[in-house]
Protein backbone atom coordinates (compact mmCIF):
# COMPACT_ATOMS: atom_id res chain seq x y z
CA MET A 1 0.00 -0.11 0.07
CA VAL A 2 1.33 3.48 -0.92
CA GLU A 3 2.02 5.58 2.10
CA ILE A 4 0.77 9.39 2.54
CA THR A 5 2.48 11.59 -0.05
CA THR A 6 4.85 14.17 1.29
CA ASN A 7 5.53 17.34 0.23
CA ILE A 8 9.20 16.46 -0.75
CA LYS A 9 7.72 13.77 -2.99
CA LEU A 10 5.41 16.16 -4.77
CA GLU A 11 8.42 18.42 -5.07
CA ILE A 12 10.49 15.77 -6.51
CA LEU A 13 7.99 14.85 -9.09
CA SER A 14 7.23 18.25 -10.03
CA CYS A 15 10.49 18.32 -11.91
CA PHE A 16 9.01 15.66 -14.34
CA THR A 17 5.67 17.59 -14.76
CA ASP A 18 7.12 19.46 -17.82
CA TYR A 19 9.51 16.94 -19.09
CA THR A 20 8.00 13.34 -18.38
CA LYS A 21 10.55 11.89 -20.71
CA LYS A 22 13.53 13.61 -19.30
CA ARG A 23 16.03 12.12 -17.03
CA PHE A 24 17.41 13.90 -13.68
CA THR A 25 20.16 13.37 -11.75
CA LEU A 26 19.98 13.67 -7.67
CA SER A 27 22.13 17.02 -7.94
CA GLU A 28 19.65 18.30 -10.47
CA ILE A 29 16.53 17.58 -8.65
CA SER A 30 18.40 19.13 -5.50
CA ARG A 31 19.02 22.22 -7.39
CA ILE A 32 15.65 22.67 -9.12
CA THR A 33 13.62 22.01 -5.75
CA GLY A 34 15.92 23.74 -3.42
CA ILE A 35 16.08 20.54 -1.25
CA SER A 36 19.27 18.93 0.13
CA HIS A 37 20.44 15.93 -1.74
CA THR A 38 20.77 14.11 1.53
CA THR A 39 17.07 14.95 2.45
CA LEU A 40 16.00 13.72 -1.17
CA ILE A 41 17.85 10.27 -1.12
CA PRO A 42 15.05 8.42 1.21
CA HIS A 43 12.07 9.94 -0.75
CA THR A 44 13.48 8.75 -4.07
CA ARG A 45 13.93 5.25 -2.76
CA ASP A 46 10.19 5.42 -1.52
CA LEU A 47 9.31 6.53 -4.91
CA GLN A 48 11.26 3.60 -6.35
CA LYS A 49 9.73 1.18 -4.22
CA ASN A 50 6.20 2.51 -5.08
CA SER A 51 7.29 2.00 -8.77
CA ILE A 52 6.87 5.61 -9.63
CA LEU A 53 10.47 6.46 -10.41
CA LYS A 54 13.11 4.37 -11.85
CA PHE A 55 16.75 4.91 -12.30
CA GLU A 56 19.83 4.17 -14.64
CA ARG A 57 23.28 4.23 -13.61
CA ARG A 58 25.47 6.73 -15.80
CA GLY A 59 28.96 6.53 -14.26
CA ARG A 60 28.87 7.41 -10.80
CA ASN A 61 25.45 9.17 -11.16
CA LYS A 62 22.06 7.60 -10.96
CA GLU A 63 19.61 9.28 -13.72
CA PHE A 64 16.00 9.17 -12.41
CA TYR A 65 13.13 9.09 -14.74
CA LEU A 66 9.33 8.35 -14.62
CA ASP A 67 7.96 4.66 -14.71
CA ARG A 68 5.65 5.67 -17.26
CA GLU A 69 3.99 2.02 -17.27
CA SER A 70 2.83 2.46 -13.64
CA SER A 71 -0.93 3.82 -12.82
CA LEU A 72 0.43 5.37 -9.66
CA THR A 73 2.67 7.60 -11.68
CA ARG A 74 -0.22 9.56 -13.48
CA ASP A 75 -1.71 9.83 -9.85
CA TYR A 76 1.07 11.39 -8.42
CA LEU A 77 2.00 13.47 -11.42
CA VAL A 78 -1.60 15.10 -11.21
CA MET A 79 -1.11 15.91 -7.49
CA ALA A 80 2.13 17.47 -8.28
CA GLU A 81 0.70 19.58 -10.77
CA THR A 82 -1.74 21.03 -8.15
């Protein structure tokens, strides 16, 4: 079951509202949202566990992108846009 959405998770997903096919590193998400990357780590893990975000390693970095096959992703994006 999906836990109650936090404002930080919605901030993370707001990065993807305009660019649903774009990939962001944790430092890019941190820069866009103004939230420390150490604060973002557990929230990105939760979003991965809930099949909303996926990642791919590029060298030392993880590039996060939306799991567009998940029905939860659409629901979260609607919440992030409002």
